[in-house]
Amino acid sequence: MLESDRISKMLDKNVFTSHVLGTNQGALLCTEPNYIDIVIGQDIETAYIELKNLNHVLRILETVFLKIKNRKSIVVFE
């Protein structure tokens, strides 16, 4: 059993990966509304890229930002 599987069970399977963090790094966030807000910077936008092997390639963009209200709501593992 992987460590991520054990942590996932403790956190009701709310474990997400990100390539922004380097290898062997992680962060634990308390997502209660009194600690963190999610701010949408740009709503969903779809752009047509190309036709490739009879498949239409699209790019879907959206930007979000975490507004941290309390620094103690985040724990970084290095």
N, C-alpha and C. Protein backbone atom coordinates (compact mmCIF):
# COMPACT_ATOMS: atom_id res chain seq x y z
N MET A 1 0.84 -1.18 0.00
CA MET A 1 0.00 0.00 0.00
C MET A 1 0.89 1.24 0.00
N LEU A 2 0.57 2.19 -0.87
CA LEU A 2 1.34 3.43 -0.97
C LEU A 2 0.96 4.41 0.14
N GLU A 3 1.88 5.30 0.47
CA GLU A 3 1.58 6.33 1.47
C GLU A 3 0.40 7.19 1.03
N SER A 4 0.33 7.49 -0.27
CA SER A 4 -0.77 8.31 -0.76
C SER A 4 -2.12 7.61 -0.58
N ASP A 5 -2.14 6.28 -0.64
CA ASP A 5 -3.38 5.54 -0.42
C ASP A 5 -3.82 5.65 1.04
N ARG A 6 -2.88 5.56 1.96
CA ARG A 6 -3.22 5.68 3.39
C ARG A 6 -3.70 7.09 3.72
N ILE A 7 -3.03 8.09 3.18
CA ILE A 7 -3.43 9.47 3.42
C ILE A 7 -4.79 9.74 2.80
N SER A 8 -5.02 9.19 1.62
CA SER A 8 -6.29 9.37 0.92
C SER A 8 -7.46 8.85 1.75
N LYS A 9 -7.27 7.73 2.43
CA LYS A 9 -8.33 7.18 3.28
C LYS A 9 -8.64 8.11 4.46
N MET A 10 -7.60 8.72 5.03
CA MET A 10 -7.81 9.63 6.16
C MET A 10 -8.50 10.92 5.74
N LEU A 11 -8.30 11.33 4.49
CA LEU A 11 -8.83 12.60 4.01
C LEU A 11 -10.05 12.41 3.10
N ASP A 12 -10.77 11.32 3.27
CA ASP A 12 -11.97 11.04 2.46
C ASP A 12 -11.68 11.10 0.97
N LYS A 13 -10.52 10.61 0.56
CA LYS A 13 -10.09 10.53 -0.84
C LYS A 13 -9.95 11.89 -1.51
N ASN A 14 -9.73 12.94 -0.74
CA ASN A 14 -9.52 14.28 -1.30
C ASN A 14 -8.03 14.58 -1.42
N VAL A 15 -7.33 13.75 -2.19
CA VAL A 15 -5.90 13.94 -2.44
C VAL A 15 -5.73 14.26 -3.92
N PHE A 16 -5.05 15.36 -4.21
CA PHE A 16 -4.86 15.80 -5.58
C PHE A 16 -3.37 15.97 -5.84
N THR A 17 -2.95 15.73 -7.07
CA THR A 17 -1.55 15.88 -7.44
C THR A 17 -1.35 17.17 -8.22
N SER A 18 -0.14 17.68 -8.16
CA SER A 18 0.21 18.89 -8.90
C SER A 18 1.67 18.80 -9.32
N HIS A 19 1.93 19.19 -10.55
CA HIS A 19 3.30 19.20 -11.04
C HIS A 19 4.03 20.48 -10.65
N VAL A 20 3.31 21.41 -10.04
CA VAL A 20 3.94 22.66 -9.60
C VAL A 20 4.91 22.37 -8.46
N LEU A 21 4.51 21.49 -7.55
CA LEU A 21 5.40 21.09 -6.47
C LEU A 21 6.45 20.15 -7.03
N GLY A 22 7.65 20.25 -6.54
CA GLY A 22 8.71 19.37 -7.00
C GLY A 22 8.52 17.96 -6.46
N THR A 23 9.46 17.09 -6.79
CA THR A 23 9.40 15.73 -6.28
C THR A 23 9.67 15.74 -4.78
N ASN A 24 9.10 14.81 -4.09
CA ASN A 24 9.25 14.67 -2.64
C ASN A 24 8.75 15.90 -1.87
N GLN A 25 7.76 16.58 -2.42
CA GLN A 25 7.15 17.72 -1.74
C GLN A 25 5.64 17.56 -1.74
N GLY A 26 5.01 18.14 -0.76
CA GLY A 26 3.56 18.09 -0.68
C GLY A 26 3.04 19.20 0.20
N ALA A 27 1.74 19.39 0.14
CA ALA A 27 1.10 20.41 0.96
C ALA A 27 -0.24 19.88 1.44
N LEU A 28 -0.58 20.20 2.66
CA LEU A 28 -1.87 19.83 3.25
C LEU A 28 -2.61 21.12 3.55
N LEU A 29 -3.81 21.26 2.97
CA LEU A 29 -4.60 22.48 3.12
C LEU A 29 -5.88 22.19 3.87
N CYS A 30 -6.23 23.06 4.78
CA CYS A 30 -7.55 23.02 5.42
C CYS A 30 -8.45 23.89 4.56
N THR A 31 -9.45 23.30 3.94
CA THR A 31 -10.27 24.02 2.96
C THR A 31 -11.58 24.55 3.53
N GLU A 32 -11.65 24.66 4.83
CA GLU A 32 -12.85 25.24 5.44
C GLU A 32 -12.96 26.71 5.01
N PRO A 33 -14.18 27.21 4.78
CA PRO A 33 -14.36 28.58 4.27
C PRO A 33 -13.76 29.67 5.15
N ASN A 34 -13.61 29.44 6.43
CA ASN A 34 -13.03 30.48 7.28
C ASN A 34 -11.50 30.52 7.20
N TYR A 35 -10.88 29.60 6.44
CA TYR A 35 -9.42 29.57 6.28
C TYR A 35 -8.97 29.92 4.86
N ILE A 36 -9.70 29.45 3.84
CA ILE A 36 -9.27 29.61 2.44
C ILE A 36 -10.49 29.91 1.57
N ASP A 37 -10.31 30.84 0.62
CA ASP A 37 -11.31 31.10 -0.42
C ASP A 37 -10.72 30.69 -1.76
N ILE A 38 -11.56 30.22 -2.67
CA ILE A 38 -11.14 29.96 -4.05
C ILE A 38 -11.67 31.11 -4.90
N VAL A 39 -10.76 31.81 -5.56
CA VAL A 39 -11.13 32.96 -6.39
C VAL A 39 -10.94 32.58 -7.85
N ILE A 40 -11.97 32.78 -8.66
CA ILE A 40 -11.86 32.50 -10.10
C ILE A 40 -11.38 33.77 -10.79
N GLY A 41 -10.20 33.66 -11.43
CA GLY A 41 -9.63 34.81 -12.12
C GLY A 41 -10.16 34.94 -13.53
N GLN A 42 -10.29 33.82 -14.22
CA GLN A 42 -10.82 33.80 -15.58
C GLN A 42 -11.75 32.61 -15.66
N ASP A 43 -12.97 32.84 -16.07
CA ASP A 43 -13.93 31.75 -16.20
C ASP A 43 -13.51 30.85 -17.36
N ILE A 44 -14.14 29.70 -17.48
CA ILE A 44 -13.75 28.71 -18.49
C ILE A 44 -13.84 29.31 -19.89
N GLU A 45 -12.76 29.10 -20.65
CA GLU A 45 -12.68 29.57 -22.03
C GLU A 45 -12.17 28.42 -22.88
N THR A 46 -12.78 28.20 -24.03
CA THR A 46 -12.38 27.12 -24.93
C THR A 46 -11.77 27.72 -26.19
N ALA A 47 -10.64 27.16 -26.62
CA ALA A 47 -9.96 27.62 -27.83
C ALA A 47 -9.73 26.43 -28.76
N TYR A 48 -10.01 26.62 -30.04
CA TYR A 48 -9.77 25.58 -31.03
C TYR A 48 -8.30 25.61 -31.41
N ILE A 49 -7.63 24.45 -31.37
CA ILE A 49 -6.21 24.38 -31.68
C ILE A 49 -5.97 23.88 -33.10
N GLU A 50 -6.44 22.66 -33.39
CA GLU A 50 -6.18 22.08 -34.71
C GLU A 50 -7.03 20.83 -34.93
N LEU A 51 -7.00 20.36 -36.16
CA LEU A 51 -7.59 19.07 -36.52
C LEU A 51 -6.43 18.12 -36.73
N LYS A 52 -6.38 17.04 -35.94
CA LYS A 52 -5.25 16.12 -35.98
C LYS A 52 -5.79 14.70 -36.06
N ASN A 53 -5.50 14.00 -37.15
CA ASN A 53 -5.96 12.61 -37.35
C ASN A 53 -7.47 12.49 -37.16
N LEU A 54 -8.21 13.42 -37.77
CA LEU A 54 -9.67 13.47 -37.71
C LEU A 54 -10.20 13.74 -36.30
N ASN A 55 -9.36 14.23 -35.41
CA ASN A 55 -9.78 14.62 -34.06
C ASN A 55 -9.61 16.12 -33.90
N HIS A 56 -10.59 16.76 -33.34
CA HIS A 56 -10.51 18.19 -33.07
C HIS A 56 -9.80 18.39 -31.73
N VAL A 57 -8.74 19.16 -31.73
CA VAL A 57 -7.96 19.42 -30.52
C VAL A 57 -8.37 20.80 -29.99
N LEU A 58 -8.82 20.81 -28.73
CA LEU A 58 -9.26 22.04 -28.08
C LEU A 58 -8.42 22.29 -26.84
N ARG A 59 -8.31 23.53 -26.45
CA ARG A 59 -7.65 23.88 -25.19
C ARG A 59 -8.70 24.55 -24.31
N ILE A 60 -8.80 24.07 -23.08
CA ILE A 60 -9.74 24.64 -22.13
C ILE A 60 -8.95 25.32 -21.02
N LEU A 61 -9.23 26.58 -20.79
CA LEU A 61 -8.48 27.37 -19.82
C LEU A 61 -9.39 27.90 -18.72
N GLU A 62 -8.86 27.93 -17.52
CA GLU A 62 -9.52 28.60 -16.40
C GLU A 62 -8.43 28.90 -15.38
N THR A 63 -8.49 30.04 -14.76
CA THR A 63 -7.52 30.36 -13.72
C THR A 63 -8.23 30.48 -12.38
N VAL A 64 -7.59 29.92 -11.38
CA VAL A 64 -8.12 30.01 -10.02
C VAL A 64 -6.98 30.42 -9.09
N PHE A 65 -7.34 30.97 -7.97
CA PHE A 65 -6.37 31.46 -7.01
C PHE A 65 -6.87 31.12 -5.61
N LEU A 66 -5.97 30.68 -4.76
CA LEU A 66 -6.34 30.42 -3.37
C LEU A 66 -6.04 31.67 -2.53
N LYS A 67 -7.06 32.21 -1.95
CA LYS A 67 -6.90 33.37 -1.05
C LYS A 67 -6.78 32.81 0.37
N ILE A 68 -5.59 32.89 0.92
CA ILE A 68 -5.31 32.33 2.24
C ILE A 68 -5.68 33.34 3.31
N LYS A 69 -6.58 32.95 4.19
CA LYS A 69 -7.01 33.83 5.28
C LYS A 69 -6.20 33.60 6.55
N ASN A 70 -5.68 32.38 6.71
CA ASN A 70 -4.92 32.04 7.91
C ASN A 70 -3.75 31.16 7.47
N ARG A 71 -2.53 31.63 7.68
CA ARG A 71 -1.33 30.88 7.25
C ARG A 71 -1.22 29.52 7.92
N LYS A 72 -1.80 29.37 9.09
CA LYS A 72 -1.71 28.10 9.80
C LYS A 72 -2.59 27.02 9.19
N SER A 73 -3.38 27.36 8.17
CA SER A 73 -4.24 26.38 7.52
C SER A 73 -3.49 25.56 6.47
N ILE A 74 -2.19 25.86 6.27
CA ILE A 74 -1.38 25.15 5.27
C ILE A 74 -0.15 24.56 5.95
N VAL A 75 0.11 23.29 5.64
CA VAL A 75 1.33 22.62 6.10
C VAL A 75 2.06 22.14 4.87
N VAL A 76 3.34 22.49 4.73
CA VAL A 76 4.15 22.09 3.58
C VAL A 76 5.11 20.99 4.02
N PHE A 77 5.16 19.91 3.24
CA PHE A 77 6.06 18.79 3.51
C PHE A 77 7.19 18.82 2.48
N GLU A 78 8.44 18.81 2.96
CA GLU A 78 9.59 18.81 2.05
C GLU A 78 10.48 17.64 2.34
